[in-house]
Amino acid sequence: MRRRHDAAFRARVALAAIKGEKTIAEISSKYGIHPNQIGQWKKAVLERLPEL
């Protein structure tokens, strides 16, 4: 069964990736999310940033 993550969780993980204080691999280990998924969430946040 697929896990569903709420928008707040996705935003928190994406912002951690954008900050660049930790590597994607470290963030992946911490939150238990695949690195590719983190990259997709990061890309989505950066694309929508001008709208916010």
PDB file of N, CA and C in Angstrom:
ATOM      1  N   MET A   1       0.833  -1.180   0.000  1.00  0.00           N
ATOM      2  CA  MET A   1       0.000   0.000   0.000  1.00  0.00           C
ATOM      3  C   MET A   1       0.880   1.247   0.000  1.00  0.00           C
ATOM      4  N   ARG A   2       0.497   2.216  -0.786  1.00  0.00           N
ATOM      5  CA  ARG A   2       1.262   3.450  -0.875  1.00  0.00           C
ATOM      6  C   ARG A   2       1.030   4.330   0.339  1.00  0.00           C
ATOM      7  N   ARG A   3       2.089   5.001   0.743  1.00  0.00           N
ATOM      8  CA  ARG A   3       1.954   5.961   1.834  1.00  0.00           C
ATOM      9  C   ARG A   3       1.535   7.300   1.257  1.00  0.00           C
ATOM     10  N   ARG A   4       0.666   7.980   1.963  1.00  0.00           N
ATOM     11  CA  ARG A   4       0.243   9.316   1.547  1.00  0.00           C
ATOM     12  C   ARG A   4       0.801  10.326   2.538  1.00  0.00           C
ATOM     13  N   HIS A   5       1.372  11.387   2.009  1.00  0.00           N
ATOM     14  CA  HIS A   5       1.952  12.426   2.855  1.00  0.00           C
ATOM     15  C   HIS A   5       1.167  13.711   2.630  1.00  0.00           C
ATOM     16  N   ASP A   6       0.858  14.388   3.720  1.00  0.00           N
ATOM     17  CA  ASP A   6       0.102  15.629   3.591  1.00  0.00           C
ATOM     18  C   ASP A   6       1.003  16.743   3.050  1.00  0.00           C
ATOM     19  N   ALA A   7       0.385  17.823   2.641  1.00  0.00           N
ATOM     20  CA  ALA A   7       1.105  18.927   2.010  1.00  0.00           C
ATOM     21  C   ALA A   7       2.138  19.541   2.948  1.00  0.00           C
ATOM     22  N   ALA A   8       1.817  19.620   4.226  1.00  0.00           N
ATOM     23  CA  ALA A   8       2.758  20.207   5.184  1.00  0.00           C
ATOM     24  C   ALA A   8       4.033  19.377   5.282  1.00  0.00           C
ATOM     25  N   PHE A   9       3.896  18.064   5.284  1.00  0.00           N
ATOM     26  CA  PHE A   9       5.065  17.190   5.342  1.00  0.00           C
ATOM     27  C   PHE A   9       5.909  17.338   4.086  1.00  0.00           C
ATOM     28  N   ARG A  10       5.249  17.340   2.928  1.00  0.00           N
ATOM     29  CA  ARG A  10       5.978  17.492   1.663  1.00  0.00           C
ATOM     30  C   ARG A  10       6.713  18.820   1.622  1.00  0.00           C
ATOM     31  N   ALA A  11       6.064  19.876   2.085  1.00  0.00           N
ATOM     32  CA  ALA A  11       6.692  21.197   2.093  1.00  0.00           C
ATOM     33  C   ALA A  11       7.902  21.212   3.028  1.00  0.00           C
ATOM     34  N   ARG A  12       7.775  20.592   4.197  1.00  0.00           N
ATOM     35  CA  ARG A  12       8.874  20.551   5.167  1.00  0.00           C
ATOM     36  C   ARG A  12      10.087  19.827   4.576  1.00  0.00           C
ATOM     37  N   VAL A  13       9.843  18.712   3.914  1.00  0.00           N
ATOM     38  CA  VAL A  13      10.942  17.946   3.311  1.00  0.00           C
ATOM     39  C   VAL A  13      11.549  18.723   2.148  1.00  0.00           C
ATOM     40  N   ALA A  14      10.710  19.322   1.310  1.00  0.00           N
ATOM     41  CA  ALA A  14      11.210  20.089   0.165  1.00  0.00           C
ATOM     42  C   ALA A  14      12.029  21.289   0.625  1.00  0.00           C
ATOM     43  N   LEU A  15      11.581  21.976   1.653  1.00  0.00           N
ATOM     44  CA  LEU A  15      12.333  23.126   2.158  1.00  0.00           C
ATOM     45  C   LEU A  15      13.667  22.702   2.748  1.00  0.00           C
ATOM     46  N   ALA A  16      13.701  21.558   3.383  1.00  0.00           N
ATOM     47  CA  ALA A  16      14.973  21.039   3.896  1.00  0.00           C
ATOM     48  C   ALA A  16      15.939  20.791   2.741  1.00  0.00           C
ATOM     49  N   ALA A  17      15.423  20.296   1.634  1.00  0.00           N
ATOM     50  CA  ALA A  17      16.264  20.048   0.457  1.00  0.00           C
ATOM     51  C   ALA A  17      16.718  21.358  -0.178  1.00  0.00           C
ATOM     52  N   ILE A  18      15.828  22.340  -0.211  1.00  0.00           N
ATOM     53  CA  ILE A  18      16.164  23.632  -0.818  1.00  0.00           C
ATOM     54  C   ILE A  18      17.224  24.360   0.004  1.00  0.00           C
ATOM     55  N   LYS A  19      17.124  24.279   1.326  1.00  0.00           N
ATOM     56  CA  LYS A  19      18.100  24.948   2.194  1.00  0.00           C
ATOM     57  C   LYS A  19      19.513  24.454   1.931  1.00  0.00           C
ATOM     58  N   GLY A  20      19.657  23.180   1.638  1.00  0.00           N
ATOM     59  CA  GLY A  20      20.965  22.632   1.305  1.00  0.00           C
ATOM     60  C   GLY A  20      21.876  22.397   2.497  1.00  0.00           C
ATOM     61  N   GLU A  21      21.331  22.444   3.717  1.00  0.00           N
ATOM     62  CA  GLU A  21      22.155  22.194   4.897  1.00  0.00           C
ATOM     63  C   GLU A  21      22.538  20.722   5.011  1.00  0.00           C
ATOM     64  N   LYS A  22      21.698  19.850   4.471  1.00  0.00           N
ATOM     65  CA  LYS A  22      21.961  18.415   4.452  1.00  0.00           C
ATOM     66  C   LYS A  22      21.833  17.924   3.014  1.00  0.00           C
ATOM     67  N   THR A  23      22.474  16.808   2.734  1.00  0.00           N
ATOM     68  CA  THR A  23      22.360  16.239   1.399  1.00  0.00           C
ATOM     69  C   THR A  23      20.988  15.580   1.243  1.00  0.00           C
ATOM     70  N   ILE A  24      20.620  15.332   0.000  1.00  0.00           N
ATOM     71  CA  ILE A  24      19.354  14.653  -0.285  1.00  0.00           C
ATOM     72  C   ILE A  24      19.359  13.266   0.371  1.00  0.00           C
ATOM     73  N   ALA A  25      20.508  12.606   0.365  1.00  0.00           N
ATOM     74  CA  ALA A  25      20.616  11.279   0.977  1.00  0.00           C
ATOM     75  C   ALA A  25      20.360  11.342   2.481  1.00  0.00           C
ATOM     76  N   GLU A  26      20.872  12.370   3.138  1.00  0.00           N
ATOM     77  CA  GLU A  26      20.651  12.519   4.574  1.00  0.00           C
ATOM     78  C   GLU A  26      19.181  12.797   4.875  1.00  0.00           C
ATOM     79  N   ILE A  27      18.570  13.652   4.071  1.00  0.00           N
ATOM     80  CA  ILE A  27      17.150  13.961   4.243  1.00  0.00           C
ATOM     81  C   ILE A  27      16.316  12.714   3.989  1.00  0.00           C
ATOM     82  N   SER A  28      16.700  11.960   2.979  1.00  0.00           N
ATOM     83  CA  SER A  28      16.007  10.719   2.649  1.00  0.00           C
ATOM     84  C   SER A  28      16.030   9.743   3.817  1.00  0.00           C
ATOM     85  N   SER A  29      17.182   9.601   4.440  1.00  0.00           N
ATOM     86  CA  SER A  29      17.307   8.700   5.584  1.00  0.00           C
ATOM     87  C   SER A  29      16.479   9.180   6.762  1.00  0.00           C
ATOM     88  N   LYS A  30      16.510  10.462   6.998  1.00  0.00           N
ATOM     89  CA  LYS A  30      15.800  11.029   8.147  1.00  0.00           C
ATOM     90  C   LYS A  30      14.291  10.826   8.051  1.00  0.00           C
ATOM     91  N   TYR A  31      13.732  11.090   6.854  1.00  0.00           N
ATOM     92  CA  TYR A  31      12.286  11.053   6.688  1.00  0.00           C
ATOM     93  C   TYR A  31      11.768   9.750   6.089  1.00  0.00           C
ATOM     94  N   GLY A  32      12.660   8.887   5.612  1.00  0.00           N
ATOM     95  CA  GLY A  32      12.236   7.619   5.034  1.00  0.00           C
ATOM     96  C   GLY A  32      11.565   7.784   3.684  1.00  0.00           C
ATOM     97  N   ILE A  33      12.023   8.746   2.911  1.00  0.00           N
ATOM     98  CA  ILE A  33      11.470   9.044   1.590  1.00  0.00           C
ATOM     99  C   ILE A  33      12.564   8.788   0.551  1.00  0.00           C
ATOM    100  N   HIS A  34      12.185   8.259  -0.596  1.00  0.00           N
ATOM    101  CA  HIS A  34      13.156   7.994  -1.660  1.00  0.00           C
ATOM    102  C   HIS A  34      13.730   9.319  -2.165  1.00  0.00           C
ATOM    103  N   PRO A  35      15.023   9.364  -2.460  1.00  0.00           N
ATOM    104  CA  PRO A  35      15.645  10.605  -2.933  1.00  0.00           C
ATOM    105  C   PRO A  35      14.987  11.184  -4.183  1.00  0.00           C
ATOM    106  N   ASN A  36      14.531  10.332  -5.103  1.00  0.00           N
ATOM    107  CA  ASN A  36      13.862  10.842  -6.300  1.00  0.00           C
ATOM    108  C   ASN A  36      12.579  11.579  -5.946  1.00  0.00           C
ATOM    109  N   GLN A  37      11.863  11.087  -4.948  1.00  0.00           N
ATOM    110  CA  GLN A  37      10.630  11.733  -4.518  1.00  0.00           C
ATOM    111  C   GLN A  37      10.934  13.106  -3.921  1.00  0.00           C
ATOM    112  N   ILE A  38      11.985  13.199  -3.156  1.00  0.00           N
ATOM    113  CA  ILE A  38      12.381  14.480  -2.575  1.00  0.00           C
ATOM    114  C   ILE A  38      12.720  15.466  -3.685  1.00  0.00           C
ATOM    115  N   GLY A  39      13.422  14.991  -4.703  1.00  0.00           N
ATOM    116  CA  GLY A  39      13.753  15.852  -5.846  1.00  0.00           C
ATOM    117  C   GLY A  39      12.517  16.361  -6.563  1.00  0.00           C
ATOM    118  N   GLN A  40      11.518  15.502  -6.695  1.00  0.00           N
ATOM    119  CA  GLN A  40      10.267  15.919  -7.346  1.00  0.00           C
ATOM    120  C   GLN A  40       9.542  16.964  -6.511  1.00  0.00           C
ATOM    121  N   TRP A  41       9.493  16.763  -5.201  1.00  0.00           N
ATOM    122  CA  TRP A  41       8.831  17.734  -4.319  1.00  0.00           C
ATOM    123  C   TRP A  41       9.574  19.062  -4.333  1.00  0.00           C
ATOM    124  N   LYS A  42      10.903  19.004  -4.345  1.00  0.00           N
ATOM    125  CA  LYS A  42      11.721  20.216  -4.385  1.00  0.00           C
ATOM    126  C   LYS A  42      11.455  20.981  -5.676  1.00  0.00           C
ATOM    127  N   LYS A  43      11.431  20.265  -6.786  1.00  0.00           N
ATOM    128  CA  LYS A  43      11.183  20.888  -8.085  1.00  0.00           C
ATOM    129  C   LYS A  43       9.800  21.539  -8.115  1.00  0.00           C
ATOM    130  N   ALA A  44       8.803  20.863  -7.565  1.00  0.00           N
ATOM    131  CA  ALA A  44       7.437  21.396  -7.546  1.00  0.00           C
ATOM    132  C   ALA A  44       7.369  22.688  -6.739  1.00  0.00           C
ATOM    133  N   VAL A  45       8.055  22.720  -5.603  1.00  0.00           N
ATOM    134  CA  VAL A  45       8.049  23.935  -4.769  1.00  0.00           C
ATOM    135  C   VAL A  45       8.730  25.080  -5.502  1.00  0.00           C
ATOM    136  N   LEU A  46       9.864  24.808  -6.110  1.00  0.00           N
ATOM    137  CA  LEU A  46      10.587  25.855  -6.817  1.00  0.00           C
ATOM    138  C   LEU A  46       9.805  26.387  -8.014  1.00  0.00           C
ATOM    139  N   GLU A  47       9.055  25.522  -8.692  1.00  0.00           N
ATOM    140  CA  GLU A  47       8.248  25.962  -9.830  1.00  0.00           C
ATOM    141  C   GLU A  47       7.074  26.831  -9.392  1.00  0.00           C
ATOM    142  N   ARG A  48       6.515  26.539  -8.226  1.00  0.00           N
ATOM    143  CA  ARG A  48       5.345  27.274  -7.742  1.00  0.00           C
ATOM    144  C   ARG A  48       5.719  28.485  -6.890  1.00  0.00           C
ATOM    145  N   LEU A  49       7.007  28.680  -6.615  1.00  0.00           N
ATOM    146  CA  LEU A  49       7.445  29.749  -5.754  1.00  0.00           C
ATOM    147  C   LEU A  49       6.980  31.138  -6.217  1.00  0.00           C
ATOM    148  N   PRO A  50       7.051  31.462  -7.505  1.00  0.00           N
ATOM    149  CA  PRO A  50       6.571  32.782  -7.932  1.00  0.00           C
ATOM    150  C   PRO A  50       5.074  33.006  -7.638  1.00  0.00           C
ATOM    151  N   GLU A  51       4.286  31.954  -7.638  1.00  0.00           N
ATOM    152  CA  GLU A  51       2.859  32.083  -7.362  1.00  0.00           C
ATOM    153  C   GLU A  51       2.599  32.422  -5.899  1.00  0.00           C
ATOM    154  N   LEU A  52       3.493  31.955  -5.037  1.00  0.00           N
ATOM    155  CA  LEU A  52       3.303  32.161  -3.613  1.00  0.00           C
ATOM    156  C   LEU A  52       3.712  33.573  -3.253  1.00  0.00           C
TER     157      LEU A  52
END
